[in-house]
Amino acid sequence: MAAAPTPDRDADLGLALELAFSAAELALGYFGRPTSSELKADGTPVGEADLAVDRLLTTELQARRPADGLLSEESGASGGPGRRWIVDPIDGTKAFLAGAEHWGTHVALEEDGRVVVAVVTRPVTGTLWWAAAGRGAHRGRLDEPGVGRRLELSSVARLSDARVTGWRLDAVALDRVLMQARWVDCAYNELDLVLDGAAEVMMVPGMVWDHAPFALILEEAGGSLFDPAGGHRLDMGSAVYTNGAVDDELAAVLWGR
């Protein structure tokens, strides 16, 4: 029996966007009203909305991409290597439960270890960001499907002029950077500051599903994602997002190179 053909990049991006729109609509139905939640083994909360969105995403992906692997924060991993969808049903559950705006869904597609499709939403503000490998990164609105503008990061190129932000930070690394750069405040889970040109460096805790879509969106917009050792792995518990223009100075400060 012949193998099923691999979907093309347009089809993959179209599916990722469709899933993100559906997830936003579903999650907003839970937002701002009393819902149940509990703590997971790692001490982080999970609520009704997380589980509902997880069911939506996993059911659709298993039905429409049955040959692909899947990794979800809420339901774990299935399938083999090669093509793998990585999803975070509601990134920023604490913000969601608190009635804050900085939460949304992450959808990414990884092929042979490299992210090739990425979508991030923030439903309360109606915003989304997306990218496909080799096709640039874009910013748009959830109420205007298919419409977006090419993403442009800050052009600040000197670390002494850079704005640095983040939370749950590595104090030693932060101190090194702030000897040259300046701090700007951010809200919990406000991951879009570098994407929207409001910061040049952001230090972010998180797992693979937190970082995967940002790795591609940043790359396609000219930025970078570094792991704590100065590489580009997504599974080391934290990452540094940059606008790409301050990378050489930042690498010298953080990793001595």
C-alpha atoms as a PDB file:
ATOM      1  CA  MET A   1       0.000   0.000   0.000  1.00  0.00           C
ATOM      2  CA  ALA A   2       1.382   3.405  -0.945  1.00  0.00           C
ATOM      3  CA  ALA A   3       2.082   5.858   1.853  1.00  0.00           C
ATOM      4  CA  ALA A   4      -0.278   8.790   2.209  1.00  0.00           C
ATOM      5  CA  PRO A   5       1.156  11.945   0.621  1.00  0.00           C
ATOM      6  CA  THR A   6       2.667  14.504   2.970  1.00  0.00           C
ATOM      7  CA  PRO A   7       0.465  17.628   3.163  1.00  0.00           C
ATOM      8  CA  ASP A   8       2.041  20.710   1.639  1.00  0.00           C
ATOM      9  CA  ARG A   9       3.060  23.731   3.665  1.00  0.00           C
ATOM     10  CA  ASP A  10      -0.007  25.761   2.706  1.00  0.00           C
ATOM     11  CA  ALA A  11      -2.284  22.965   3.905  1.00  0.00           C
ATOM     12  CA  ASP A  12      -0.351  22.655   7.166  1.00  0.00           C
ATOM     13  CA  LEU A  13      -0.480  26.388   7.824  1.00  0.00           C
ATOM     14  CA  GLY A  14      -4.152  26.499   6.918  1.00  0.00           C
ATOM     15  CA  LEU A  15      -4.908  23.727   9.389  1.00  0.00           C
ATOM     16  CA  ALA A  16      -2.851  25.377  12.134  1.00  0.00           C
ATOM     17  CA  LEU A  17      -4.724  28.655  11.655  1.00  0.00           C
ATOM     18  CA  GLU A  18      -8.074  26.894  11.573  1.00  0.00           C
ATOM     19  CA  LEU A  19      -7.283  25.090  14.822  1.00  0.00           C
ATOM     20  CA  ALA A  20      -6.110  28.305  16.473  1.00  0.00           C
ATOM     21  CA  PHE A  21      -9.298  30.161  15.502  1.00  0.00           C
ATOM     22  CA  SER A  22     -11.485  27.309  16.787  1.00  0.00           C
ATOM     23  CA  ALA A  23      -9.505  27.116  20.028  1.00  0.00           C
ATOM     24  CA  ALA A  24      -9.862  30.856  20.604  1.00  0.00           C
ATOM     25  CA  GLU A  25     -13.624  30.716  20.132  1.00  0.00           C
ATOM     26  CA  LEU A  26     -13.955  27.756  22.485  1.00  0.00           C
ATOM     27  CA  ALA A  27     -11.714  29.214  25.191  1.00  0.00           C
ATOM     28  CA  LEU A  28     -13.460  32.592  25.158  1.00  0.00           C
ATOM     29  CA  GLY A  29     -16.673  30.773  26.029  1.00  0.00           C
ATOM     30  CA  TYR A  30     -15.095  29.794  29.357  1.00  0.00           C
ATOM     31  CA  PHE A  31     -13.247  33.049  30.005  1.00  0.00           C
ATOM     32  CA  GLY A  32     -14.528  35.338  32.732  1.00  0.00           C
ATOM     33  CA  ARG A  33     -16.969  32.896  34.286  1.00  0.00           C
ATOM     34  CA  PRO A  34     -16.541  30.497  37.207  1.00  0.00           C
ATOM     35  CA  THR A  35     -14.793  27.297  36.145  1.00  0.00           C
ATOM     36  CA  SER A  36     -13.099  24.487  38.002  1.00  0.00           C
ATOM     37  CA  SER A  37      -9.341  24.022  38.105  1.00  0.00           C
ATOM     38  CA  GLU A  38      -6.785  21.878  39.891  1.00  0.00           C
ATOM     39  CA  LEU A  39      -3.035  21.651  40.316  1.00  0.00           C
ATOM     40  CA  LYS A  40      -1.017  19.244  38.222  1.00  0.00           C
ATOM     41  CA  ALA A  41       1.911  17.248  39.567  1.00  0.00           C
ATOM     42  CA  ASP A  42       4.311  20.072  38.666  1.00  0.00           C
ATOM     43  CA  GLY A  43       2.288  22.583  40.702  1.00  0.00           C
ATOM     44  CA  THR A  44       0.854  24.455  37.723  1.00  0.00           C
ATOM     45  CA  PRO A  45      -2.906  24.842  37.296  1.00  0.00           C
ATOM     46  CA  VAL A  46      -5.113  23.201  34.701  1.00  0.00           C
ATOM     47  CA  GLY A  47      -8.726  24.213  34.207  1.00  0.00           C
ATOM     48  CA  GLU A  48     -11.840  23.194  32.338  1.00  0.00           C
ATOM     49  CA  ALA A  49     -10.908  25.387  29.388  1.00  0.00           C
ATOM     50  CA  ASP A  50      -7.438  23.827  29.051  1.00  0.00           C
ATOM     51  CA  LEU A  51      -8.946  20.362  28.856  1.00  0.00           C
ATOM     52  CA  ALA A  52     -11.732  21.371  26.490  1.00  0.00           C
ATOM     53  CA  VAL A  53      -9.318  23.044  24.076  1.00  0.00           C
ATOM     54  CA  ASP A  54      -6.960  20.084  24.353  1.00  0.00           C
ATOM     55  CA  ARG A  55      -9.768  17.730  23.319  1.00  0.00           C
ATOM     56  CA  LEU A  56     -10.580  19.957  20.359  1.00  0.00           C
ATOM     57  CA  LEU A  57      -6.988  20.134  19.136  1.00  0.00           C
ATOM     58  CA  THR A  58      -6.075  16.502  19.654  1.00  0.00           C
ATOM     59  CA  THR A  59      -9.317  15.192  18.142  1.00  0.00           C
ATOM     60  CA  GLU A  60      -8.936  17.330  15.027  1.00  0.00           C
ATOM     61  CA  LEU A  61      -5.256  16.529  14.554  1.00  0.00           C
ATOM     62  CA  GLN A  62      -5.744  12.799  15.030  1.00  0.00           C
ATOM     63  CA  ALA A  63      -8.567  12.843  12.494  1.00  0.00           C
ATOM     64  CA  ARG A  64      -6.940  15.093   9.905  1.00  0.00           C
ATOM     65  CA  ARG A  65      -3.266  14.222  10.318  1.00  0.00           C
ATOM     66  CA  PRO A  66      -3.377  10.597  11.547  1.00  0.00           C
ATOM     67  CA  ALA A  67       0.164   9.848  10.364  1.00  0.00           C
ATOM     68  CA  ASP A  68       1.686  12.724  12.360  1.00  0.00           C
ATOM     69  CA  GLY A  69       2.919  12.634  15.926  1.00  0.00           C
ATOM     70  CA  LEU A  70       1.435  14.900  18.582  1.00  0.00           C
ATOM     71  CA  LEU A  71       2.742  16.513  21.755  1.00  0.00           C
ATOM     72  CA  SER A  72       0.320  18.432  23.976  1.00  0.00           C
ATOM     73  CA  GLU A  73       1.002  19.990  27.346  1.00  0.00           C
ATOM     74  CA  GLU A  74      -2.220  18.511  28.698  1.00  0.00           C
ATOM     75  CA  SER A  75      -2.381  15.047  27.132  1.00  0.00           C
ATOM     76  CA  GLY A  76       1.231  14.120  26.469  1.00  0.00           C
ATOM     77  CA  ALA A  77       2.858  12.572  23.417  1.00  0.00           C
ATOM     78  CA  SER A  78       1.675  10.116  20.794  1.00  0.00           C
ATOM     79  CA  GLY A  79       3.005   8.931  17.459  1.00  0.00           C
ATOM     80  CA  GLY A  80       6.534   8.595  16.215  1.00  0.00           C
ATOM     81  CA  PRO A  81       9.355  10.895  15.069  1.00  0.00           C
ATOM     82  CA  GLY A  82       9.364  12.881  11.864  1.00  0.00           C
ATOM     83  CA  ARG A  83       6.363  15.180  11.617  1.00  0.00           C
ATOM     84  CA  ARG A  84       5.010  16.197  15.017  1.00  0.00           C
ATOM     85  CA  TRP A  85       2.404  18.743  16.069  1.00  0.00           C
ATOM     86  CA  ILE A  86       3.220  20.571  19.312  1.00  0.00           C
ATOM     87  CA  VAL A  87       0.317  22.305  21.053  1.00  0.00           C
ATOM     88  CA  ASP A  88      -0.330  24.240  24.229  1.00  0.00           C
ATOM     89  CA  PRO A  89      -4.127  24.435  24.529  1.00  0.00           C
ATOM     90  CA  ILE A  90      -4.053  27.481  26.810  1.00  0.00           C
ATOM     91  CA  ASP A  91      -0.675  29.040  27.350  1.00  0.00           C
ATOM     92  CA  GLY A  92      -0.970  31.251  30.413  1.00  0.00           C
ATOM     93  CA  THR A  93      -3.536  29.347  32.454  1.00  0.00           C
ATOM     94  CA  LYS A  94      -2.791  31.475  35.529  1.00  0.00           C
ATOM     95  CA  ALA A  95      -3.579  34.618  33.554  1.00  0.00           C
ATOM     96  CA  PHE A  96      -6.718  32.993  32.125  1.00  0.00           C
ATOM     97  CA  LEU A  97      -8.014  32.029  35.559  1.00  0.00           C
ATOM     98  CA  ALA A  98      -7.224  35.515  36.900  1.00  0.00           C
ATOM     99  CA  GLY A  99      -9.198  37.221  34.125  1.00  0.00           C
ATOM    100  CA  ALA A 100      -6.077  38.754  32.565  1.00  0.00           C
ATOM    101  CA  GLU A 101      -5.544  39.052  28.819  1.00  0.00           C
ATOM    102  CA  HIS A 102      -2.168  37.391  28.258  1.00  0.00           C
ATOM    103  CA  TRP A 103      -3.185  33.854  27.381  1.00  0.00           C
ATOM    104  CA  GLY A 104      -3.829  31.964  24.195  1.00  0.00           C
ATOM    105  CA  THR A 105      -3.183  28.858  22.142  1.00  0.00           C
ATOM    106  CA  HIS A 106       0.114  27.689  20.649  1.00  0.00           C
ATOM    107  CA  VAL A 107       0.155  25.445  17.590  1.00  0.00           C
ATOM    108  CA  ALA A 108       3.405  24.362  15.937  1.00  0.00           C
ATOM    109  CA  LEU A 109       4.420  21.714  13.433  1.00  0.00           C
ATOM    110  CA  GLU A 110       7.877  20.201  13.700  1.00  0.00           C
ATOM    111  CA  GLU A 111       9.538  18.240  10.907  1.00  0.00           C
ATOM    112  CA  ASP A 112      12.690  16.283  11.726  1.00  0.00           C
ATOM    113  CA  GLY A 113      13.354  18.468  14.760  1.00  0.00           C
ATOM    114  CA  ARG A 114      12.727  21.837  13.088  1.00  0.00           C
ATOM    115  CA  VAL A 115       9.593  23.936  13.532  1.00  0.00           C
ATOM    116  CA  VAL A 116       8.106  24.724  10.103  1.00  0.00           C
ATOM    117  CA  VAL A 117       4.630  26.089  10.943  1.00  0.00           C
ATOM    118  CA  ALA A 118       3.654  28.202  13.945  1.00  0.00           C
ATOM    119  CA  VAL A 119       0.601  30.053  15.240  1.00  0.00           C
ATOM    120  CA  VAL A 120       0.170  31.985  18.516  1.00  0.00           C
ATOM    121  CA  THR A 121      -3.091  33.621  19.588  1.00  0.00           C
ATOM    122  CA  ARG A 122      -4.155  36.073  22.258  1.00  0.00           C
ATOM    123  CA  PRO A 123      -7.966  35.884  22.057  1.00  0.00           C
ATOM    124  CA  VAL A 124      -8.839  38.672  24.511  1.00  0.00           C
ATOM    125  CA  THR A 125      -6.983  41.227  22.402  1.00  0.00           C
ATOM    126  CA  GLY A 126      -8.042  39.476  19.191  1.00  0.00           C
ATOM    127  CA  THR A 127      -4.426  39.120  18.042  1.00  0.00           C
ATOM    128  CA  LEU A 128      -2.517  36.318  16.369  1.00  0.00           C
ATOM    129  CA  TRP A 129       0.952  35.782  14.969  1.00  0.00           C
ATOM    130  CA  TRP A 130       1.881  33.104  12.477  1.00  0.00           C
ATOM    131  CA  ALA A 131       4.740  31.886  10.318  1.00  0.00           C
ATOM    132  CA  ALA A 132       5.711  29.160   7.880  1.00  0.00           C
ATOM    133  CA  ALA A 133       9.302  28.247   7.101  1.00  0.00           C
ATOM    134  CA  GLY A 134      10.692  30.403   4.305  1.00  0.00           C
ATOM    135  CA  ARG A 135       7.525  32.507   4.054  1.00  0.00           C
ATOM    136  CA  GLY A 136       8.000  35.163   6.712  1.00  0.00           C
ATOM    137  CA  ALA A 137       6.151  35.928   9.928  1.00  0.00           C
ATOM    138  CA  HIS A 138       2.914  37.873  10.173  1.00  0.00           C
ATOM    139  CA  ARG A 139       0.659  39.582  12.676  1.00  0.00           C
ATOM    140  CA  GLY A 140      -3.101  39.737  12.245  1.00  0.00           C
ATOM    141  CA  ARG A 141      -6.465  39.706  13.964  1.00  0.00           C
ATOM    142  CA  LEU A 142      -8.727  36.833  14.855  1.00  0.00           C
ATOM    143  CA  ASP A 143     -11.736  38.679  13.427  1.00  0.00           C
ATOM    144  CA  GLU A 144     -10.023  39.093  10.032  1.00  0.00           C
ATOM    145  CA  PRO A 145      -9.033  35.592   8.853  1.00  0.00           C
ATOM    146  CA  GLY A 146      -6.345  35.563   6.204  1.00  0.00           C
ATOM    147  CA  VAL A 147      -5.431  39.221   6.678  1.00  0.00           C
ATOM    148  CA  GLY A 148      -2.122  40.198   8.242  1.00  0.00           C
ATOM    149  CA  ARG A 149       0.976  42.303   7.922  1.00  0.00           C
ATOM    150  CA  ARG A 150       4.580  41.230   7.735  1.00  0.00           C
ATOM    151  CA  LEU A 151       6.082  41.208  11.206  1.00  0.00           C
ATOM    152  CA  GLU A 152       8.869  43.721  11.846  1.00  0.00           C
ATOM    153  CA  LEU A 153      10.936  43.520  15.011  1.00  0.00           C
ATOM    154  CA  SER A 154      12.777  46.389  16.654  1.00  0.00           C
ATOM    155  CA  SER A 155      15.869  47.519  14.738  1.00  0.00           C
ATOM    156  CA  VAL A 156      17.826  48.480  17.876  1.00  0.00           C
ATOM    157  CA  ALA A 157      21.297  47.028  17.327  1.00  0.00           C
ATOM    158  CA  ARG A 158      23.286  48.045  20.402  1.00  0.00           C
ATOM    159  CA  LEU A 159      22.820  46.274  23.706  1.00  0.00           C
ATOM    160  CA  SER A 160      23.290  49.581  25.506  1.00  0.00           C
ATOM    161  CA  ASP A 161      20.104  50.808  23.818  1.00  0.00           C
ATOM    162  CA  ALA A 162      18.177  47.561  24.281  1.00  0.00           C
ATOM    163  CA  ARG A 163      15.133  46.951  26.455  1.00  0.00           C
ATOM    164  CA  VAL A 164      15.183  43.714  28.462  1.00  0.00           C
ATOM    165  CA  THR A 165      12.178  42.040  30.065  1.00  0.00           C
ATOM    166  CA  GLY A 166      10.817  38.712  31.321  1.00  0.00           C
ATOM    167  CA  TRP A 167       9.883  36.940  34.544  1.00  0.00           C
ATOM    168  CA  ARG A 168      11.099  34.095  36.798  1.00  0.00           C
ATOM    169  CA  LEU A 169      14.518  35.158  35.628  1.00  0.00           C
ATOM    170  CA  ASP A 170      18.027  33.795  35.977  1.00  0.00           C
ATOM    171  CA  ALA A 171      19.344  36.511  38.288  1.00  0.00           C
ATOM    172  CA  VAL A 172      22.990  36.039  37.326  1.00  0.00           C
ATOM    173  CA  ALA A 173      22.295  36.214  33.597  1.00  0.00           C
ATOM    174  CA  LEU A 174      19.966  39.171  34.045  1.00  0.00           C
ATOM    175  CA  ASP A 175      22.531  41.094  36.074  1.00  0.00           C
ATOM    176  CA  ARG A 176      25.105  40.606  33.332  1.00  0.00           C
ATOM    177  CA  VAL A 177      22.770  41.919  30.656  1.00  0.00           C
ATOM    178  CA  LEU A 178      21.492  44.836  32.721  1.00  0.00           C
ATOM    179  CA  MET A 179      25.027  46.123  33.199  1.00  0.00           C
ATOM    180  CA  GLN A 180      24.575  47.346  29.619  1.00  0.00           C
ATOM    181  CA  ALA A 181      20.857  47.279  28.772  1.00  0.00           C
ATOM    182  CA  ARG A 182      17.789  48.657  30.545  1.00  0.00           C
ATOM    183  CA  TRP A 183      14.839  46.891  32.122  1.00  0.00           C
ATOM    184  CA  VAL A 184      11.184  47.262  31.080  1.00  0.00           C
ATOM    185  CA  ASP A 185       8.303  45.713  32.995  1.00  0.00           C
ATOM    186  CA  CYS A 186       6.021  43.078  31.552  1.00  0.00           C
ATOM    187  CA  ALA A 187       2.888  41.291  32.679  1.00  0.00           C
ATOM    188  CA  TYR A 188       2.870  37.571  33.374  1.00  0.00           C
ATOM    189  CA  ASN A 189       2.926  35.623  30.089  1.00  0.00           C
ATOM    190  CA  GLU A 190       3.214  38.767  27.962  1.00  0.00           C
ATOM    191  CA  LEU A 191       5.344  36.878  25.440  1.00  0.00           C
ATOM    192  CA  ASP A 192       4.672  39.175  22.503  1.00  0.00           C
ATOM    193  CA  LEU A 193       6.845  42.138  23.503  1.00  0.00           C
ATOM    194  CA  VAL A 194       9.747  41.234  21.206  1.00  0.00           C
ATOM    195  CA  LEU A 195       7.345  40.282  18.401  1.00  0.00           C
ATOM    196  CA  ASP A 196       5.676  43.693  18.623  1.00  0.00           C
ATOM    197  CA  GLY A 197       8.885  45.700  18.886  1.00  0.00           C
ATOM    198  CA  ALA A 198       8.400  46.694  22.533  1.00  0.00           C
ATOM    199  CA  ALA A 199      11.573  44.934  23.726  1.00  0.00           C
ATOM    200  CA  GLU A 200      14.783  43.617  22.208  1.00  0.00           C
ATOM    201  CA  VAL A 201      15.539  40.844  24.730  1.00  0.00           C
ATOM    202  CA  MET A 202      13.112  38.691  26.707  1.00  0.00           C
ATOM    203  CA  MET A 203      14.017  35.934  29.167  1.00  0.00           C
ATOM    204  CA  VAL A 204      11.217  33.383  29.273  1.00  0.00           C
ATOM    205  CA  PRO A 205      10.657  30.210  31.326  1.00  0.00           C
ATOM    206  CA  GLY A 206       8.821  27.361  29.657  1.00  0.00           C
ATOM    207  CA  MET A 207       8.747  23.980  27.998  1.00  0.00           C
ATOM    208  CA  VAL A 208       8.807  22.853  24.364  1.00  0.00           C
ATOM    209  CA  TRP A 209       5.144  23.791  23.774  1.00  0.00           C
ATOM    210  CA  ASP A 210       5.782  27.280  25.152  1.00  0.00           C
ATOM    211  CA  HIS A 211       8.753  28.021  22.916  1.00  0.00           C
ATOM    212  CA  ALA A 212       8.115  26.036  19.716  1.00  0.00           C
ATOM    213  CA  PRO A 213       5.967  28.540  17.817  1.00  0.00           C
ATOM    214  CA  PHE A 214       8.065  31.507  18.918  1.00  0.00           C
ATOM    215  CA  ALA A 215      11.223  29.843  17.586  1.00  0.00           C
ATOM    216  CA  LEU A 216       9.892  29.959  14.024  1.00  0.00           C
ATOM    217  CA  ILE A 217       8.026  33.273  14.258  1.00  0.00           C
ATOM    218  CA  LEU A 218      11.151  34.972  15.580  1.00  0.00           C
ATOM    219  CA  GLU A 219      13.388  33.325  12.977  1.00  0.00           C
ATOM    220  CA  GLU A 220      11.120  34.300  10.095  1.00  0.00           C
ATOM    221  CA  ALA A 221      10.956  37.886  11.402  1.00  0.00           C
ATOM    222  CA  GLY A 222      14.748  38.138  11.741  1.00  0.00           C
ATOM    223  CA  GLY A 223      14.957  37.447  15.472  1.00  0.00           C
ATOM    224  CA  SER A 224      16.424  34.590  17.488  1.00  0.00           C
ATOM    225  CA  LEU A 225      15.669  32.144  20.260  1.00  0.00           C
ATOM    226  CA  PHE A 226      18.541  30.955  22.451  1.00  0.00           C
ATOM    227  CA  ASP A 227      18.526  28.236  25.087  1.00  0.00           C
ATOM    228  CA  PRO A 228      20.348  28.779  28.423  1.00  0.00           C
ATOM    229  CA  ALA A 229      23.582  27.394  26.944  1.00  0.00           C
ATOM    230  CA  GLY A 230      23.497  29.675  23.926  1.00  0.00           C
ATOM    231  CA  GLY A 231      22.184  27.042  21.531  1.00  0.00           C
ATOM    232  CA  HIS A 232      18.727  26.739  20.033  1.00  0.00           C
ATOM    233  CA  ARG A 233      17.116  23.828  21.850  1.00  0.00           C
ATOM    234  CA  LEU A 234      13.512  24.179  22.981  1.00  0.00           C
ATOM    235  CA  ASP A 235      13.551  21.674  25.844  1.00  0.00           C
ATOM    236  CA  MET A 236      15.902  23.255  28.375  1.00  0.00           C
ATOM    237  CA  GLY A 237      13.297  24.921  30.578  1.00  0.00           C
ATOM    238  CA  SER A 238      13.863  28.527  29.550  1.00  0.00           C
ATOM    239  CA  ALA A 239      14.841  30.606  26.536  1.00  0.00           C
ATOM    240  CA  VAL A 240      15.975  34.068  25.510  1.00  0.00           C
ATOM    241  CA  TYR A 241      14.003  35.751  22.724  1.00  0.00           C
ATOM    242  CA  THR A 242      15.756  38.539  20.799  1.00  0.00           C
ATOM    243  CA  ASN A 243      15.212  40.910  17.907  1.00  0.00           C
ATOM    244  CA  GLY A 244      18.244  39.390  16.161  1.00  0.00           C
ATOM    245  CA  ALA A 245      20.156  42.667  15.949  1.00  0.00           C
ATOM    246  CA  VAL A 246      21.677  42.511  19.453  1.00  0.00           C
ATOM    247  CA  ASP A 247      22.695  38.848  19.270  1.00  0.00           C
ATOM    248  CA  ASP A 248      26.473  39.254  19.002  1.00  0.00           C
ATOM    249  CA  GLU A 249      26.754  41.563  22.006  1.00  0.00           C
ATOM    250  CA  LEU A 250      24.267  39.488  23.988  1.00  0.00           C
ATOM    251  CA  ALA A 251      26.152  36.259  23.264  1.00  0.00           C
ATOM    252  CA  ALA A 252      29.380  37.864  24.417  1.00  0.00           C
ATOM    253  CA  VAL A 253      27.770  38.936  27.689  1.00  0.00           C
ATOM    254  CA  LEU A 254      25.918  35.697  28.427  1.00  0.00           C
ATOM    255  CA  TRP A 255      28.181  33.017  26.966  1.00  0.00           C
ATOM    256  CA  GLY A 256      31.533  34.726  26.437  1.00  0.00           C
ATOM    257  CA  ARG A 257      31.684  34.298  22.713  1.00  0.00           C
END
